[in-house]
């Protein structure tokens, strides 16, 4: 049961399901309903065999299940595009491309929304943060925690923001890990947010997010506290080798951001305020 639950959580996500179904349905539509009288079906079979070989190779070499599913879905959709092109089904091809791209676009959010979320951490001061506790402010932290628990909509002490890009496969693969972090650690004092870096060049420039096509920093995780950036993964102060060394694991984020210090043992995981989606 645990294996089935893990597969359901990791792979049965809207992005993967829609991409896979749209690709398969499009190929079936072209095969059964589009005229092939002037088309050499043998060439299509050869291409299909080649794609199957590539998919099998990727399935064996991919490090994660998410990457395997994403690669196979991509191959299916590319095969569908070739089928439509070979059959000169231009209208069907245009509709499919729109659906393909539309499935990878998110709703537009303004930089002001992210600014407001980060600025909200400034109003709570240092009470309840790791630094505050290490300085012996246990009483103030407890008081702040009580106020936050009594007021669910109170401003958070800190915010963890995931800057992601739809064109970066690593961003999609990390979605599950970030969701698990949110489910375990989100509470009135610690919030989580996901931001699509493609929605605003102004936002990426302001917060120093590298969106170059060759970047090794997607996704970028940033911890904001007191209205300022406190920590970042991968760190900008390390070299290329160190950035590649970050394995994007659950524990690496917990340790780097000291997330355990933001919750009490009595806190319960939040499923209603867990992950705030921006973008």
C-alpha atoms as a PDB file:
ATOM      1  CA  UNK A   1       0.000   0.000   0.000  1.00  0.00           C
ATOM      2  CA  UNK A   2       2.847   2.353   0.811  1.00  0.00           C
ATOM      3  CA  UNK A   3       4.268   1.824  -2.681  1.00  0.00           C
ATOM      4  CA  UNK A   4       0.908   2.561  -4.319  1.00  0.00           C
ATOM      5  CA  UNK A   5       0.468   5.691  -2.199  1.00  0.00           C
ATOM      6  CA  UNK A   6       3.955   6.876  -3.169  1.00  0.00           C
ATOM      7  CA  UNK A   7       3.245   6.284  -6.870  1.00  0.00           C
ATOM      8  CA  UNK A   8      -0.067   8.113  -6.568  1.00  0.00           C
ATOM      9  CA  UNK A   9       1.565  11.107  -4.846  1.00  0.00           C
ATOM     10  CA  UNK A  10       4.524  11.336  -7.213  1.00  0.00           C
ATOM     11  CA  UNK A  11       3.168  10.413 -10.630  1.00  0.00           C
ATOM     12  CA  UNK A  12      -0.600  10.944 -10.683  1.00  0.00           C
ATOM     13  CA  UNK A  13      -0.204  14.687 -10.852  1.00  0.00           C
ATOM     14  CA  UNK A  14      -2.231  16.807 -13.317  1.00  0.00           C
ATOM     15  CA  UNK A  15       0.861  17.775 -15.311  1.00  0.00           C
ATOM     16  CA  UNK A  16       1.909  14.178 -15.994  1.00  0.00           C
ATOM     17  CA  UNK A  17      -1.590  12.784 -16.496  1.00  0.00           C
ATOM     18  CA  UNK A  18      -2.745  15.474 -18.937  1.00  0.00           C
ATOM     19  CA  UNK A  19       0.449  15.300 -20.984  1.00  0.00           C
ATOM     20  CA  UNK A  20       0.326  11.510 -21.245  1.00  0.00           C
ATOM     21  CA  UNK A  21      -3.382  11.337 -22.098  1.00  0.00           C
ATOM     22  CA  UNK A  22      -3.233  14.175 -24.615  1.00  0.00           C
ATOM     23  CA  UNK A  23      -0.298  12.568 -26.417  1.00  0.00           C
ATOM     24  CA  UNK A  24      -1.834   9.086 -26.553  1.00  0.00           C
ATOM     25  CA  UNK A  25      -5.304  10.304 -27.567  1.00  0.00           C
ATOM     26  CA  UNK A  26      -3.856  12.510 -30.302  1.00  0.00           C
ATOM     27  CA  UNK A  27      -1.879   9.621 -31.781  1.00  0.00           C
ATOM     28  CA  UNK A  28      -4.944   7.343 -31.705  1.00  0.00           C
ATOM     29  CA  UNK A  29      -7.059  10.025 -33.351  1.00  0.00           C
ATOM     30  CA  UNK A  30      -4.567  10.463 -36.177  1.00  0.00           C
ATOM     31  CA  UNK A  31      -4.205   6.719 -36.664  1.00  0.00           C
ATOM     32  CA  UNK A  32      -7.906   5.867 -36.828  1.00  0.00           C
ATOM     33  CA  UNK A  33      -9.589   8.985 -38.206  1.00  0.00           C
ATOM     34  CA  UNK A  34      -7.121  10.778 -40.461  1.00  0.00           C
ATOM     35  CA  UNK A  35      -6.727   9.601 -44.058  1.00  0.00           C
ATOM     36  CA  UNK A  36      -3.439   7.807 -44.720  1.00  0.00           C
ATOM     37  CA  UNK A  37      -4.002   6.789 -48.351  1.00  0.00           C
ATOM     38  CA  UNK A  38      -1.163   9.003 -49.586  1.00  0.00           C
ATOM     39  CA  UNK A  39       1.155   8.221 -46.735  1.00  0.00           C
ATOM     40  CA  UNK A  40       3.709   5.443 -46.269  1.00  0.00           C
ATOM     41  CA  UNK A  41       2.732   3.868 -42.958  1.00  0.00           C
ATOM     42  CA  UNK A  42       5.968   1.849 -42.933  1.00  0.00           C
ATOM     43  CA  UNK A  43       8.002   4.985 -42.213  1.00  0.00           C
ATOM     44  CA  UNK A  44       5.798   5.721 -39.260  1.00  0.00           C
ATOM     45  CA  UNK A  45       6.306   2.240 -37.860  1.00  0.00           C
ATOM     46  CA  UNK A  46      10.073   2.635 -38.124  1.00  0.00           C
ATOM     47  CA  UNK A  47       9.915   5.951 -36.294  1.00  0.00           C
ATOM     48  CA  UNK A  48       7.719   4.426 -33.607  1.00  0.00           C
ATOM     49  CA  UNK A  49      10.212   1.629 -33.061  1.00  0.00           C
ATOM     50  CA  UNK A  50      12.998   4.190 -32.745  1.00  0.00           C
ATOM     51  CA  UNK A  51      11.019   6.159 -30.176  1.00  0.00           C
ATOM     52  CA  UNK A  52      10.323   2.978 -28.218  1.00  0.00           C
ATOM     53  CA  UNK A  53      14.052   2.233 -28.104  1.00  0.00           C
ATOM     54  CA  UNK A  54      14.820   5.773 -26.909  1.00  0.00           C
ATOM     55  CA  UNK A  55      12.075   5.550 -24.291  1.00  0.00           C
ATOM     56  CA  UNK A  56      13.419   2.236 -23.023  1.00  0.00           C
ATOM     57  CA  UNK A  57      16.938   3.674 -22.820  1.00  0.00           C
ATOM     58  CA  UNK A  58      15.688   6.722 -20.928  1.00  0.00           C
ATOM     59  CA  UNK A  59      13.620   4.519 -18.630  1.00  0.00           C
ATOM     60  CA  UNK A  60      16.717   2.546 -17.640  1.00  0.00           C
ATOM     61  CA  UNK A  61      19.027   5.541 -17.212  1.00  0.00           C
ATOM     62  CA  UNK A  62      16.734   8.157 -15.646  1.00  0.00           C
ATOM     63  CA  UNK A  63      17.472   8.688 -11.928  1.00  0.00           C
ATOM     64  CA  UNK A  64      13.855   9.306 -10.872  1.00  0.00           C
ATOM     65  CA  UNK A  65      10.397   8.014 -11.735  1.00  0.00           C
ATOM     66  CA  UNK A  66       9.287  11.573 -12.497  1.00  0.00           C
ATOM     67  CA  UNK A  67      11.981  11.947 -15.147  1.00  0.00           C
ATOM     68  CA  UNK A  68      11.048   8.628 -16.728  1.00  0.00           C
ATOM     69  CA  UNK A  69       7.388   9.572 -17.004  1.00  0.00           C
ATOM     70  CA  UNK A  70       8.230  13.035 -18.324  1.00  0.00           C
ATOM     71  CA  UNK A  71      10.611  11.689 -20.980  1.00  0.00           C
ATOM     72  CA  UNK A  72       8.188   9.028 -22.197  1.00  0.00           C
ATOM     73  CA  UNK A  73       5.335  11.558 -22.376  1.00  0.00           C
ATOM     74  CA  UNK A  74       7.564  13.880 -24.380  1.00  0.00           C
ATOM     75  CA  UNK A  75       8.406  11.106 -26.861  1.00  0.00           C
ATOM     76  CA  UNK A  76       4.723  10.276 -27.296  1.00  0.00           C
ATOM     77  CA  UNK A  77       3.842  13.893 -28.035  1.00  0.00           C
ATOM     78  CA  UNK A  78       6.723  14.263 -30.493  1.00  0.00           C
ATOM     79  CA  UNK A  79       5.518  11.150 -32.287  1.00  0.00           C
ATOM     80  CA  UNK A  80       2.047  12.691 -32.473  1.00  0.00           C
ATOM     81  CA  UNK A  81       3.469  15.869 -33.992  1.00  0.00           C
ATOM     82  CA  UNK A  82       5.278  13.813 -36.631  1.00  0.00           C
ATOM     83  CA  UNK A  83       2.109  11.847 -37.428  1.00  0.00           C
ATOM     84  CA  UNK A  84       0.134  15.075 -37.907  1.00  0.00           C
ATOM     85  CA  UNK A  85       2.882  16.586 -40.072  1.00  0.00           C
ATOM     86  CA  UNK A  86       3.175  13.489 -42.267  1.00  0.00           C
ATOM     87  CA  UNK A  87      -0.590  13.337 -42.742  1.00  0.00           C
ATOM     88  CA  UNK A  88      -0.795  17.098 -43.387  1.00  0.00           C
ATOM     89  CA  UNK A  89      -3.389  17.405 -40.631  1.00  0.00           C
ATOM     90  CA  UNK A  90      -2.557  21.063 -40.039  1.00  0.00           C
ATOM     91  CA  UNK A  91      -5.674  22.008 -38.077  1.00  0.00           C
ATOM     92  CA  UNK A  92      -5.272  19.044 -35.742  1.00  0.00           C
ATOM     93  CA  UNK A  93      -1.589  19.878 -35.327  1.00  0.00           C
ATOM     94  CA  UNK A  94      -2.358  23.504 -34.454  1.00  0.00           C
ATOM     95  CA  UNK A  95      -4.934  22.481 -31.842  1.00  0.00           C
ATOM     96  CA  UNK A  96      -2.554  19.931 -30.327  1.00  0.00           C
ATOM     97  CA  UNK A  97       0.289  22.444 -30.066  1.00  0.00           C
ATOM     98  CA  UNK A  98      -2.007  24.911 -28.292  1.00  0.00           C
ATOM     99  CA  UNK A  99      -3.083  22.225 -25.802  1.00  0.00           C
ATOM    100  CA  UNK A 100       0.521  21.119 -25.343  1.00  0.00           C
ATOM    101  CA  UNK A 101       1.771  24.609 -24.568  1.00  0.00           C
ATOM    102  CA  UNK A 102      -1.294  25.570 -22.574  1.00  0.00           C
ATOM    103  CA  UNK A 103      -0.764  22.640 -20.231  1.00  0.00           C
ATOM    104  CA  UNK A 104       2.634  24.062 -19.326  1.00  0.00           C
ATOM    105  CA  UNK A 105       1.475  27.612 -18.639  1.00  0.00           C
ATOM    106  CA  UNK A 106       0.360  28.834 -15.247  1.00  0.00           C
ATOM    107  CA  UNK A 107      -1.861  31.687 -14.238  1.00  0.00           C
ATOM    108  CA  UNK A 108      -0.178  35.085 -14.192  1.00  0.00           C
ATOM    109  CA  UNK A 109       0.738  36.635 -10.848  1.00  0.00           C
ATOM    110  CA  UNK A 110       2.196  40.070 -10.283  1.00  0.00           C
ATOM    111  CA  UNK A 111       5.478  40.730  -8.481  1.00  0.00           C
ATOM    112  CA  UNK A 112       3.472  42.703  -5.920  1.00  0.00           C
ATOM    113  CA  UNK A 113       1.879  39.484  -4.650  1.00  0.00           C
ATOM    114  CA  UNK A 114       5.260  37.965  -3.929  1.00  0.00           C
ATOM    115  CA  UNK A 115       6.452  41.229  -2.378  1.00  0.00           C
ATOM    116  CA  UNK A 116       3.476  41.227  -0.017  1.00  0.00           C
ATOM    117  CA  UNK A 117       4.134  37.647   1.059  1.00  0.00           C
ATOM    118  CA  UNK A 118       7.793  38.333   1.813  1.00  0.00           C
ATOM    119  CA  UNK A 119       7.047  41.668   3.473  1.00  0.00           C
ATOM    120  CA  UNK A 120       4.525  39.977   5.768  1.00  0.00           C
ATOM    121  CA  UNK A 121       7.404  38.236   7.559  1.00  0.00           C
ATOM    122  CA  UNK A 122       8.789  41.603   8.625  1.00  0.00           C
ATOM    123  CA  UNK A 123       5.867  42.379  10.940  1.00  0.00           C
ATOM    124  CA  UNK A 124       6.469  39.407  13.231  1.00  0.00           C
ATOM    125  CA  UNK A 125      10.020  40.306  14.197  1.00  0.00           C
ATOM    126  CA  UNK A 126      12.433  37.589  15.322  1.00  0.00           C
ATOM    127  CA  UNK A 127      10.183  35.803  17.791  1.00  0.00           C
ATOM    128  CA  UNK A 128       9.909  32.092  17.066  1.00  0.00           C
ATOM    129  CA  UNK A 129      12.833  32.003  14.616  1.00  0.00           C
ATOM    130  CA  UNK A 130      15.916  29.809  15.064  1.00  0.00           C
ATOM    131  CA  UNK A 131      18.109  32.801  15.924  1.00  0.00           C
ATOM    132  CA  UNK A 132      15.618  34.023  18.504  1.00  0.00           C
ATOM    133  CA  UNK A 133      15.511  30.672  20.228  1.00  0.00           C
ATOM    134  CA  UNK A 134      19.268  30.302  20.308  1.00  0.00           C
ATOM    135  CA  UNK A 135      19.459  33.658  22.081  1.00  0.00           C
ATOM    136  CA  UNK A 136      17.276  32.347  24.877  1.00  0.00           C
ATOM    137  CA  UNK A 137      14.052  34.075  23.896  1.00  0.00           C
ATOM    138  CA  UNK A 138      11.965  31.017  24.651  1.00  0.00           C
ATOM    139  CA  UNK A 139       9.251  32.973  26.403  1.00  0.00           C
ATOM    140  CA  UNK A 140       8.808  35.404  23.520  1.00  0.00           C
ATOM    141  CA  UNK A 141       8.788  32.537  21.026  1.00  0.00           C
ATOM    142  CA  UNK A 142       6.102  30.707  22.983  1.00  0.00           C
ATOM    143  CA  UNK A 143       4.013  33.863  23.175  1.00  0.00           C
ATOM    144  CA  UNK A 144       4.356  34.465  19.449  1.00  0.00           C
ATOM    145  CA  UNK A 145       3.442  30.845  18.766  1.00  0.00           C
ATOM    146  CA  UNK A 146       0.324  31.134  20.899  1.00  0.00           C
ATOM    147  CA  UNK A 147      -0.731  34.297  19.081  1.00  0.00           C
ATOM    148  CA  UNK A 148      -0.144  32.673  15.704  1.00  0.00           C
ATOM    149  CA  UNK A 149      -2.122  29.568  16.644  1.00  0.00           C
ATOM    150  CA  UNK A 150      -4.978  31.717  17.909  1.00  0.00           C
ATOM    151  CA  UNK A 151      -4.968  33.732  14.682  1.00  0.00           C
ATOM    152  CA  UNK A 152      -4.642  31.387  11.676  1.00  0.00           C
ATOM    153  CA  UNK A 153      -4.333  34.306   9.277  1.00  0.00           C
ATOM    154  CA  UNK A 154      -1.545  36.000  11.256  1.00  0.00           C
ATOM    155  CA  UNK A 155       1.584  37.015   9.369  1.00  0.00           C
ATOM    156  CA  UNK A 156       4.186  34.232   9.132  1.00  0.00           C
ATOM    157  CA  UNK A 157       7.632  34.417  10.693  1.00  0.00           C
ATOM    158  CA  UNK A 158       9.287  32.995   7.570  1.00  0.00           C
ATOM    159  CA  UNK A 159       8.459  32.007   4.007  1.00  0.00           C
ATOM    160  CA  UNK A 160      10.089  29.351   1.833  1.00  0.00           C
ATOM    161  CA  UNK A 161       9.723  30.212  -1.852  1.00  0.00           C
ATOM    162  CA  UNK A 162      10.405  27.816  -4.691  1.00  0.00           C
ATOM    163  CA  UNK A 163      11.270  29.617  -7.929  1.00  0.00           C
ATOM    164  CA  UNK A 164      10.494  27.157 -10.711  1.00  0.00           C
ATOM    165  CA  UNK A 165      10.436  27.139 -14.510  1.00  0.00           C
ATOM    166  CA  UNK A 166       8.202  24.983 -16.694  1.00  0.00           C
ATOM    167  CA  UNK A 167      11.065  24.526 -19.166  1.00  0.00           C
ATOM    168  CA  UNK A 168      13.367  23.096 -16.466  1.00  0.00           C
ATOM    169  CA  UNK A 169      12.680  19.379 -15.868  1.00  0.00           C
ATOM    170  CA  UNK A 170      14.326  19.582 -12.438  1.00  0.00           C
ATOM    171  CA  UNK A 171      11.591  21.982 -11.337  1.00  0.00           C
ATOM    172  CA  UNK A 172       8.887  19.442 -12.149  1.00  0.00           C
ATOM    173  CA  UNK A 173      10.786  16.602 -10.503  1.00  0.00           C
ATOM    174  CA  UNK A 174      11.144  18.646  -7.307  1.00  0.00           C
ATOM    175  CA  UNK A 175       7.410  19.407  -7.053  1.00  0.00           C
ATOM    176  CA  UNK A 176       6.702  16.305  -4.980  1.00  0.00           C
ATOM    177  CA  UNK A 177       9.532  16.926  -2.529  1.00  0.00           C
ATOM    178  CA  UNK A 178       8.469  20.538  -2.056  1.00  0.00           C
ATOM    179  CA  UNK A 179       4.865  19.463  -1.508  1.00  0.00           C
ATOM    180  CA  UNK A 180       6.004  16.988   1.144  1.00  0.00           C
ATOM    181  CA  UNK A 181       8.003  19.724   2.868  1.00  0.00           C
ATOM    182  CA  UNK A 182       4.953  21.950   2.832  1.00  0.00           C
ATOM    183  CA  UNK A 183       2.654  19.280   4.250  1.00  0.00           C
ATOM    184  CA  UNK A 184       5.017  18.530   7.124  1.00  0.00           C
ATOM    185  CA  UNK A 185       6.318  21.967   8.077  1.00  0.00           C
ATOM    186  CA  UNK A 186       3.704  24.527   7.038  1.00  0.00           C
ATOM    187  CA  UNK A 187       2.027  26.267   9.961  1.00  0.00           C
ATOM    188  CA  UNK A 188       1.008  29.756  11.035  1.00  0.00           C
ATOM    189  CA  UNK A 189       4.655  30.780  11.396  1.00  0.00           C
ATOM    190  CA  UNK A 190       6.120  29.129   8.292  1.00  0.00           C
ATOM    191  CA  UNK A 191       4.562  29.370   4.835  1.00  0.00           C
ATOM    192  CA  UNK A 192       5.497  27.856   1.489  1.00  0.00           C
ATOM    193  CA  UNK A 193       5.013  29.317  -1.988  1.00  0.00           C
ATOM    194  CA  UNK A 194       5.737  28.338  -5.593  1.00  0.00           C
ATOM    195  CA  UNK A 195       6.539  31.013  -8.161  1.00  0.00           C
ATOM    196  CA  UNK A 196       6.812  30.603 -11.928  1.00  0.00           C
ATOM    197  CA  UNK A 197       9.874  32.594 -12.995  1.00  0.00           C
ATOM    198  CA  UNK A 198       8.511  33.052 -16.512  1.00  0.00           C
ATOM    199  CA  UNK A 199       5.756  35.432 -15.456  1.00  0.00           C
ATOM    200  CA  UNK A 200       7.918  38.476 -14.760  1.00  0.00           C
ATOM    201  CA  UNK A 201      11.443  39.490 -15.711  1.00  0.00           C
ATOM    202  CA  UNK A 202      11.190  42.292 -13.165  1.00  0.00           C
ATOM    203  CA  UNK A 203      10.591  39.795 -10.359  1.00  0.00           C
ATOM    204  CA  UNK A 204      13.495  37.526 -11.284  1.00  0.00           C
ATOM    205  CA  UNK A 205      15.843  40.499 -11.515  1.00  0.00           C
ATOM    206  CA  UNK A 206      14.726  41.906  -8.169  1.00  0.00           C
ATOM    207  CA  UNK A 207      15.207  38.643  -6.296  1.00  0.00           C
ATOM    208  CA  UNK A 208      18.355  37.578  -8.128  1.00  0.00           C
ATOM    209  CA  UNK A 209      16.990  34.454  -9.819  1.00  0.00           C
ATOM    210  CA  UNK A 210      19.079  33.053 -12.662  1.00  0.00           C
ATOM    211  CA  UNK A 211      16.747  32.142 -15.530  1.00  0.00           C
ATOM    212  CA  UNK A 212      19.353  31.496 -18.229  1.00  0.00           C
ATOM    213  CA  UNK A 213      18.705  28.383 -20.300  1.00  0.00           C
ATOM    214  CA  UNK A 214      22.030  26.924 -19.122  1.00  0.00           C
ATOM    215  CA  UNK A 215      21.480  27.664 -15.450  1.00  0.00           C
ATOM    216  CA  UNK A 216      22.117  25.051 -12.779  1.00  0.00           C
ATOM    217  CA  UNK A 217      19.895  26.902 -10.311  1.00  0.00           C
ATOM    218  CA  UNK A 218      16.448  25.656 -11.280  1.00  0.00           C
ATOM    219  CA  UNK A 219      14.614  25.210  -9.055  1.00  0.00           C
ATOM    220  CA  UNK A 220      15.869  27.847  -6.616  1.00  0.00           C
ATOM    221  CA  UNK A 221      14.699  27.710  -3.005  1.00  0.00           C
ATOM    222  CA  UNK A 222      14.910  30.835  -0.849  1.00  0.00           C
ATOM    223  CA  UNK A 223      14.107  31.298   2.833  1.00  0.00           C
ATOM    224  CA  UNK A 224      12.841  34.796   3.650  1.00  0.00           C
ATOM    225  CA  UNK A 225      12.671  36.114   7.211  1.00  0.00           C
ATOM    226  CA  UNK A 226      12.172  39.648   8.507  1.00  0.00           C
ATOM    227  CA  UNK A 227      11.458  40.685   4.928  1.00  0.00           C
ATOM    228  CA  UNK A 228      14.920  39.632   3.746  1.00  0.00           C
ATOM    229  CA  UNK A 229      16.573  36.653   2.116  1.00  0.00           C
ATOM    230  CA  UNK A 230      18.294  34.481   4.725  1.00  0.00           C
ATOM    231  CA  UNK A 231      19.311  31.313   2.909  1.00  0.00           C
ATOM    232  CA  UNK A 232      19.233  29.962  -0.623  1.00  0.00           C
ATOM    233  CA  UNK A 233      19.574  26.599  -2.343  1.00  0.00           C
ATOM    234  CA  UNK A 234      21.656  26.202  -4.378  1.00  0.00           C
ATOM    235  CA  UNK A 235      23.850  28.844  -2.782  1.00  0.00           C
ATOM    236  CA  UNK A 236      25.242  31.603  -4.983  1.00  0.00           C
ATOM    237  CA  UNK A 237      28.425  31.703  -2.903  1.00  0.00           C
ATOM    238  CA  UNK A 238      29.605  28.237  -3.955  1.00  0.00           C
ATOM    239  CA  UNK A 239      31.144  27.024  -7.187  1.00  0.00           C
ATOM    240  CA  UNK A 240      29.601  25.031 -10.010  1.00  0.00           C
ATOM    241  CA  UNK A 241      30.631  21.688  -8.526  1.00  0.00           C
ATOM    242  CA  UNK A 242      28.919  22.486  -5.225  1.00  0.00           C
ATOM    243  CA  UNK A 243      25.739  23.561  -7.005  1.00  0.00           C
ATOM    244  CA  UNK A 244      25.663  20.293  -8.904  1.00  0.00           C
ATOM    245  CA  UNK A 245      26.255  18.439  -5.638  1.00  0.00           C
ATOM    246  CA  UNK A 246      22.926  19.587  -4.181  1.00  0.00           C
ATOM    247  CA  UNK A 247      20.765  16.495  -4.542  1.00  0.00           C
ATOM    248  CA  UNK A 248      17.444  18.321  -3.973  1.00  0.00           C
ATOM    249  CA  UNK A 249      16.542  15.888  -1.241  1.00  0.00           C
ATOM    250  CA  UNK A 250      13.983  16.423   1.506  1.00  0.00           C
ATOM    251  CA  UNK A 251      16.622  16.356   4.262  1.00  0.00           C
ATOM    252  CA  UNK A 252      18.939  18.783   2.477  1.00  0.00           C
ATOM    253  CA  UNK A 253      16.262  21.494   2.562  1.00  0.00           C
ATOM    254  CA  UNK A 254      15.308  20.755   6.171  1.00  0.00           C
ATOM    255  CA  UNK A 255      18.918  21.004   7.324  1.00  0.00           C
ATOM    256  CA  UNK A 256      19.882  24.050   5.258  1.00  0.00           C
ATOM    257  CA  UNK A 257      16.818  26.075   6.268  1.00  0.00           C
ATOM    258  CA  UNK A 258      16.594  24.626   9.818  1.00  0.00           C
ATOM    259  CA  UNK A 259      12.902  23.982   9.318  1.00  0.00           C
ATOM    260  CA  UNK A 260      12.605  21.918  12.496  1.00  0.00           C
ATOM    261  CA  UNK A 261      13.231  25.073  14.520  1.00  0.00           C
ATOM    262  CA  UNK A 262      10.103  26.728  13.156  1.00  0.00           C
ATOM    263  CA  UNK A 263       7.646  24.209  14.570  1.00  0.00           C
ATOM    264  CA  UNK A 264       6.802  22.851  17.993  1.00  0.00           C
ATOM    265  CA  UNK A 265       6.396  19.169  18.742  1.00  0.00           C
ATOM    266  CA  UNK A 266       2.697  19.766  19.231  1.00  0.00           C
ATOM    267  CA  UNK A 267       2.219  21.358  15.809  1.00  0.00           C
ATOM    268  CA  UNK A 268       0.151  19.356  13.359  1.00  0.00           C
ATOM    269  CA  UNK A 269       0.801  19.326   9.590  1.00  0.00           C
ATOM    270  CA  UNK A 270      -1.361  21.839   7.799  1.00  0.00           C
ATOM    271  CA  UNK A 271      -3.239  20.672   4.743  1.00  0.00           C
ATOM    272  CA  UNK A 272      -5.148  23.894   4.205  1.00  0.00           C
ATOM    273  CA  UNK A 273      -2.364  26.452   4.344  1.00  0.00           C
ATOM    274  CA  UNK A 274       0.407  24.104   3.287  1.00  0.00           C
ATOM    275  CA  UNK A 275       1.416  25.328  -0.129  1.00  0.00           C
ATOM    276  CA  UNK A 276       0.439  28.730  -1.429  1.00  0.00           C
ATOM    277  CA  UNK A 277       0.660  28.765  -5.207  1.00  0.00           C
ATOM    278  CA  UNK A 278       1.702  32.017  -6.814  1.00  0.00           C
ATOM    279  CA  UNK A 279       2.023  31.823 -10.564  1.00  0.00           C
END
